[in-house]
PDB file of N, CA and C in Angstrom:
ATOM      1  N   MET A   1      13.758  -7.298 -12.138  1.00  0.00           N
ATOM      2  CA  MET A   1      12.612  -7.226 -13.021  1.00  0.00           C
ATOM      3  C   MET A   1      11.980  -8.600 -13.173  1.00  0.00           C
ATOM      4  N   GLY A   2      10.739  -8.567 -13.566  1.00  0.00           N
ATOM      5  CA  GLY A   2      10.053  -9.823 -13.776  1.00  0.00           C
ATOM      6  C   GLY A   2       9.495 -10.435 -12.510  1.00  0.00           C
ATOM      7  N   THR A   3       9.491  -9.683 -11.410  1.00  0.00           N
ATOM      8  CA  THR A   3       8.981 -10.190 -10.148  1.00  0.00           C
ATOM      9  C   THR A   3       7.509  -9.833 -10.005  1.00  0.00           C
ATOM     10  N   THR A   4       6.738 -10.792  -9.551  1.00  0.00           N
ATOM     11  CA  THR A   4       5.324 -10.530  -9.295  1.00  0.00           C
ATOM     12  C   THR A   4       4.999 -10.908  -7.863  1.00  0.00           C
ATOM     13  N   ALA A   5       3.878 -10.423  -7.390  1.00  0.00           N
ATOM     14  CA  ALA A   5       3.409 -10.763  -6.049  1.00  0.00           C
ATOM     15  C   ALA A   5       2.003 -11.332  -6.181  1.00  0.00           C
ATOM     16  N   ASN A   6       1.694 -12.299  -5.385  1.00  0.00           N
ATOM     17  CA  ASN A   6       0.392 -12.936  -5.400  1.00  0.00           C
ATOM     18  C   ASN A   6      -0.536 -12.187  -4.444  1.00  0.00           C
ATOM     19  N   ILE A   7      -1.093 -11.065  -4.910  1.00  0.00           N
ATOM     20  CA  ILE A   7      -1.942 -10.215  -4.083  1.00  0.00           C
ATOM     21  C   ILE A   7      -3.389 -10.663  -4.215  1.00  0.00           C
ATOM     22  N   ASP A   8      -4.089 -10.719  -3.100  1.00  0.00           N
ATOM     23  CA  ASP A   8      -5.505 -11.076  -3.079  1.00  0.00           C
ATOM     24  C   ASP A   8      -6.306  -9.921  -3.692  1.00  0.00           C
ATOM     25  N   PRO A   9      -6.907 -10.101  -4.869  1.00  0.00           N
ATOM     26  CA  PRO A   9      -7.610  -9.004  -5.524  1.00  0.00           C
ATOM     27  C   PRO A   9      -8.891  -8.576  -4.810  1.00  0.00           C
ATOM     28  N   VAL A  10      -9.401  -9.399  -3.924  1.00  0.00           N
ATOM     29  CA  VAL A  10     -10.619  -9.063  -3.191  1.00  0.00           C
ATOM     30  C   VAL A  10     -10.299  -8.262  -1.935  1.00  0.00           C
ATOM     31  N   ASN A  11      -9.258  -8.637  -1.223  1.00  0.00           N
ATOM     32  CA  ASN A  11      -8.961  -8.033   0.074  1.00  0.00           C
ATOM     33  C   ASN A  11      -7.645  -7.274   0.153  1.00  0.00           C
ATOM     34  N   GLY A  12      -6.833  -7.288  -0.878  1.00  0.00           N
ATOM     35  CA  GLY A  12      -5.487  -6.733  -0.798  1.00  0.00           C
ATOM     36  C   GLY A  12      -5.357  -5.279  -1.180  1.00  0.00           C
ATOM     37  N   TRP A  13      -6.424  -4.520  -1.105  1.00  0.00           N
ATOM     38  CA  TRP A  13      -6.371  -3.123  -1.511  1.00  0.00           C
ATOM     39  C   TRP A  13      -7.304  -2.265  -0.665  1.00  0.00           C
ATOM     40  N   LYS A  14      -7.082  -0.955  -0.756  1.00  0.00           N
ATOM     41  CA  LYS A  14      -7.950  -0.004  -0.067  1.00  0.00           C
ATOM     42  C   LYS A  14      -7.808   1.342  -0.768  1.00  0.00           C
ATOM     43  N   ILE A  15      -8.909   2.058  -0.930  1.00  0.00           N
ATOM     44  CA  ILE A  15      -8.876   3.407  -1.482  1.00  0.00           C
ATOM     45  C   ILE A  15      -8.945   4.388  -0.318  1.00  0.00           C
ATOM     46  N   VAL A  16      -7.957   5.288  -0.268  1.00  0.00           N
ATOM     47  CA  VAL A  16      -7.882   6.306   0.782  1.00  0.00           C
ATOM     48  C   VAL A  16      -7.715   7.653   0.095  1.00  0.00           C
ATOM     49  N   ASP A  17      -8.623   8.566   0.358  1.00  0.00           N
ATOM     50  CA  ASP A  17      -8.586   9.902  -0.242  1.00  0.00           C
ATOM     51  C   ASP A  17      -8.435   9.847  -1.759  1.00  0.00           C
ATOM     52  N   GLY A  18      -9.139   8.931  -2.391  1.00  0.00           N
ATOM     53  CA  GLY A  18      -9.137   8.825  -3.843  1.00  0.00           C
ATOM     54  C   GLY A  18      -7.930   8.134  -4.440  1.00  0.00           C
ATOM     55  N   LYS A  19      -7.053   7.584  -3.602  1.00  0.00           N
ATOM     56  CA  LYS A  19      -5.866   6.878  -4.098  1.00  0.00           C
ATOM     57  C   LYS A  19      -5.981   5.395  -3.764  1.00  0.00           C
ATOM     58  N   LEU A  20      -5.552   4.569  -4.705  1.00  0.00           N
ATOM     59  CA  LEU A  20      -5.571   3.126  -4.524  1.00  0.00           C
ATOM     60  C   LEU A  20      -4.262   2.671  -3.895  1.00  0.00           C
ATOM     61  N   TYR A  21      -4.371   1.905  -2.813  1.00  0.00           N
ATOM     62  CA  TYR A  21      -3.197   1.345  -2.145  1.00  0.00           C
ATOM     63  C   TYR A  21      -3.310  -0.173  -2.169  1.00  0.00           C
ATOM     64  N   LEU A  22      -2.249  -0.829  -2.622  1.00  0.00           N
ATOM     65  CA  LEU A  22      -2.191  -2.287  -2.649  1.00  0.00           C
ATOM     66  C   LEU A  22      -1.251  -2.760  -1.561  1.00  0.00           C
ATOM     67  N   ASN A  23      -1.644  -3.799  -0.882  1.00  0.00           N
ATOM     68  CA  ASN A  23      -0.790  -4.381   0.148  1.00  0.00           C
ATOM     69  C   ASN A  23      -0.261  -5.716  -0.334  1.00  0.00           C
ATOM     70  N   TYR A  24       0.997  -5.973  -0.010  1.00  0.00           N
ATOM     71  CA  TYR A  24       1.687  -7.178  -0.468  1.00  0.00           C
ATOM     72  C   TYR A  24       1.013  -8.455   0.014  1.00  0.00           C
ATOM     73  N   SER A  25       0.504  -8.443   1.222  1.00  0.00           N
ATOM     74  CA  SER A  25      -0.122  -9.642   1.774  1.00  0.00           C
ATOM     75  C   SER A  25      -1.216  -9.240   2.774  1.00  0.00           C
ATOM     76  N   ARG A  26      -2.042 -10.180   3.136  1.00  0.00           N
ATOM     77  CA  ARG A  26      -3.098  -9.940   4.128  1.00  0.00           C
ATOM     78  C   ARG A  26      -2.484  -9.534   5.474  1.00  0.00           C
ATOM     79  N   LYS A  27      -1.370 -10.169   5.835  1.00  0.00           N
ATOM     80  CA  LYS A  27      -0.692  -9.849   7.092  1.00  0.00           C
ATOM     81  C   LYS A  27      -0.207  -8.388   7.094  1.00  0.00           C
ATOM     82  N   ILE A  28       0.362  -7.953   5.986  1.00  0.00           N
ATOM     83  CA  ILE A  28       0.829  -6.571   5.872  1.00  0.00           C
ATOM     84  C   ILE A  28      -0.357  -5.620   5.919  1.00  0.00           C
ATOM     85  N   GLN A  29      -1.454  -5.974   5.258  1.00  0.00           N
ATOM     86  CA  GLN A  29      -2.622  -5.098   5.266  1.00  0.00           C
ATOM     87  C   GLN A  29      -3.194  -4.947   6.674  1.00  0.00           C
ATOM     88  N   GLN A  30      -3.215  -6.013   7.437  1.00  0.00           N
ATOM     89  CA  GLN A  30      -3.717  -5.935   8.810  1.00  0.00           C
ATOM     90  C   GLN A  30      -2.871  -4.980   9.644  1.00  0.00           C
ATOM     91  N   LYS A  31      -1.576  -4.970   9.413  1.00  0.00           N
ATOM     92  CA  LYS A  31      -0.688  -4.040  10.110  1.00  0.00           C
ATOM     93  C   LYS A  31      -0.912  -2.614   9.601  1.00  0.00           C
ATOM     94  N   TRP A  32      -1.048  -2.463   8.294  1.00  0.00           N
ATOM     95  CA  TRP A  32      -1.195  -1.154   7.653  1.00  0.00           C
ATOM     96  C   TRP A  32      -2.455  -0.431   8.108  1.00  0.00           C
ATOM     97  N   VAL A  33      -3.570  -1.137   8.229  1.00  0.00           N
ATOM     98  CA  VAL A  33      -4.833  -0.474   8.586  1.00  0.00           C
ATOM     99  C   VAL A  33      -4.837   0.058  10.019  1.00  0.00           C
ATOM    100  N   LYS A  34      -3.908  -0.363  10.827  1.00  0.00           N
ATOM    101  CA  LYS A  34      -3.827   0.139  12.200  1.00  0.00           C
ATOM    102  C   LYS A  34      -3.270   1.563  12.257  1.00  0.00           C
ATOM    103  N   ASP A  35      -2.555   1.995  11.200  1.00  0.00           N
ATOM    104  CA  ASP A  35      -1.999   3.352  11.161  1.00  0.00           C
ATOM    105  C   ASP A  35      -1.874   3.815   9.707  1.00  0.00           C
ATOM    106  N   ILE A  36      -2.988   3.875   9.004  1.00  0.00           N
ATOM    107  CA  ILE A  36      -2.961   4.245   7.590  1.00  0.00           C
ATOM    108  C   ILE A  36      -2.291   5.601   7.373  1.00  0.00           C
ATOM    109  N   PRO A  37      -2.677   6.663   8.097  1.00  0.00           N
ATOM    110  CA  PRO A  37      -2.018   7.963   7.856  1.00  0.00           C
ATOM    111  C   PRO A  37      -0.504   7.920   8.091  1.00  0.00           C
ATOM    112  N   GLY A  38      -0.076   7.197   9.103  1.00  0.00           N
ATOM    113  CA  GLY A  38       1.353   7.092   9.396  1.00  0.00           C
ATOM    114  C   GLY A  38       2.120   6.371   8.308  1.00  0.00           C
ATOM    115  N   TYR A  39       1.559   5.283   7.798  1.00  0.00           N
ATOM    116  CA  TYR A  39       2.243   4.531   6.738  1.00  0.00           C
ATOM    117  C   TYR A  39       2.239   5.297   5.416  1.00  0.00           C
ATOM    118  N   ILE A  40       1.165   6.033   5.132  1.00  0.00           N
ATOM    119  CA  ILE A  40       1.143   6.841   3.917  1.00  0.00           C
ATOM    120  C   ILE A  40       2.186   7.951   4.018  1.00  0.00           C
ATOM    121  N   GLU A  41       2.300   8.576   5.181  1.00  0.00           N
ATOM    122  CA  GLU A  41       3.311   9.621   5.363  1.00  0.00           C
ATOM    123  C   GLU A  41       4.721   9.058   5.168  1.00  0.00           C
ATOM    124  N   LYS A  42       4.987   7.891   5.748  1.00  0.00           N
ATOM    125  CA  LYS A  42       6.305   7.264   5.575  1.00  0.00           C
ATOM    126  C   LYS A  42       6.567   6.942   4.110  1.00  0.00           C
ATOM    127  N   ALA A  43       5.558   6.427   3.420  1.00  0.00           N
ATOM    128  CA  ALA A  43       5.715   6.085   2.007  1.00  0.00           C
ATOM    129  C   ALA A  43       5.995   7.338   1.178  1.00  0.00           C
ATOM    130  N   ASP A  44       5.267   8.414   1.470  1.00  0.00           N
ATOM    131  CA  ASP A  44       5.482   9.660   0.741  1.00  0.00           C
ATOM    132  C   ASP A  44       6.896  10.190   0.948  1.00  0.00           C
ATOM    133  N   GLN A  45       7.452   9.997   2.129  1.00  0.00           N
ATOM    134  CA  GLN A  45       8.829  10.444   2.399  1.00  0.00           C
ATOM    135  C   GLN A  45       9.844   9.549   1.696  1.00  0.00           C
ATOM    136  N   ASN A  46       9.555   8.251   1.601  1.00  0.00           N
ATOM    137  CA  ASN A  46      10.499   7.301   0.998  1.00  0.00           C
ATOM    138  C   ASN A  46      10.455   7.315  -0.528  1.00  0.00           C
ATOM    139  N   TRP A  47       9.347   7.739  -1.100  1.00  0.00           N
ATOM    140  CA  TRP A  47       9.176   7.668  -2.552  1.00  0.00           C
ATOM    141  C   TRP A  47       8.765   9.029  -3.126  1.00  0.00           C
ATOM    142  N   PRO A  48       9.552  10.066  -2.918  1.00  0.00           N
ATOM    143  CA  PRO A  48       9.126  11.410  -3.334  1.00  0.00           C
ATOM    144  C   PRO A  48       8.963  11.588  -4.845  1.00  0.00           C
ATOM    145  N   GLY A  49       9.683  10.866  -5.645  1.00  0.00           N
ATOM    146  CA  GLY A  49       9.621  11.082  -7.081  1.00  0.00           C
ATOM    147  C   GLY A  49       8.814  10.070  -7.861  1.00  0.00           C
ATOM    148  N   VAL A  50       8.182   9.143  -7.211  1.00  0.00           N
ATOM    149  CA  VAL A  50       7.481   8.064  -7.894  1.00  0.00           C
ATOM    150  C   VAL A  50       6.341   8.589  -8.769  1.00  0.00           C
ATOM    151  N   LEU A  51       5.592   9.545  -8.288  1.00  0.00           N
ATOM    152  CA  LEU A  51       4.422  10.027  -9.027  1.00  0.00           C
ATOM    153  C   LEU A  51       4.732  11.156 -10.004  1.00  0.00           C
ATOM    154  N   GLU A  52       5.969  11.592 -10.045  1.00  0.00           N
ATOM    155  CA  GLU A  52       6.325  12.687 -10.955  1.00  0.00           C
ATOM    156  C   GLU A  52       6.570  12.195 -12.360  1.00  0.00           C
TER     157      GLU A  52
END
């Protein structure tokens, strides 16, 4: 607890299908945008109860 990340508020996010996604760093975001549907699917499988 008590951990923060220095996310770029201008470039570190993207809205996809009405949902806000934050990326830890610019480097991660560059990787993420190459396969957004694939990474969202993986995230949904890894975090099934987060939104409940």
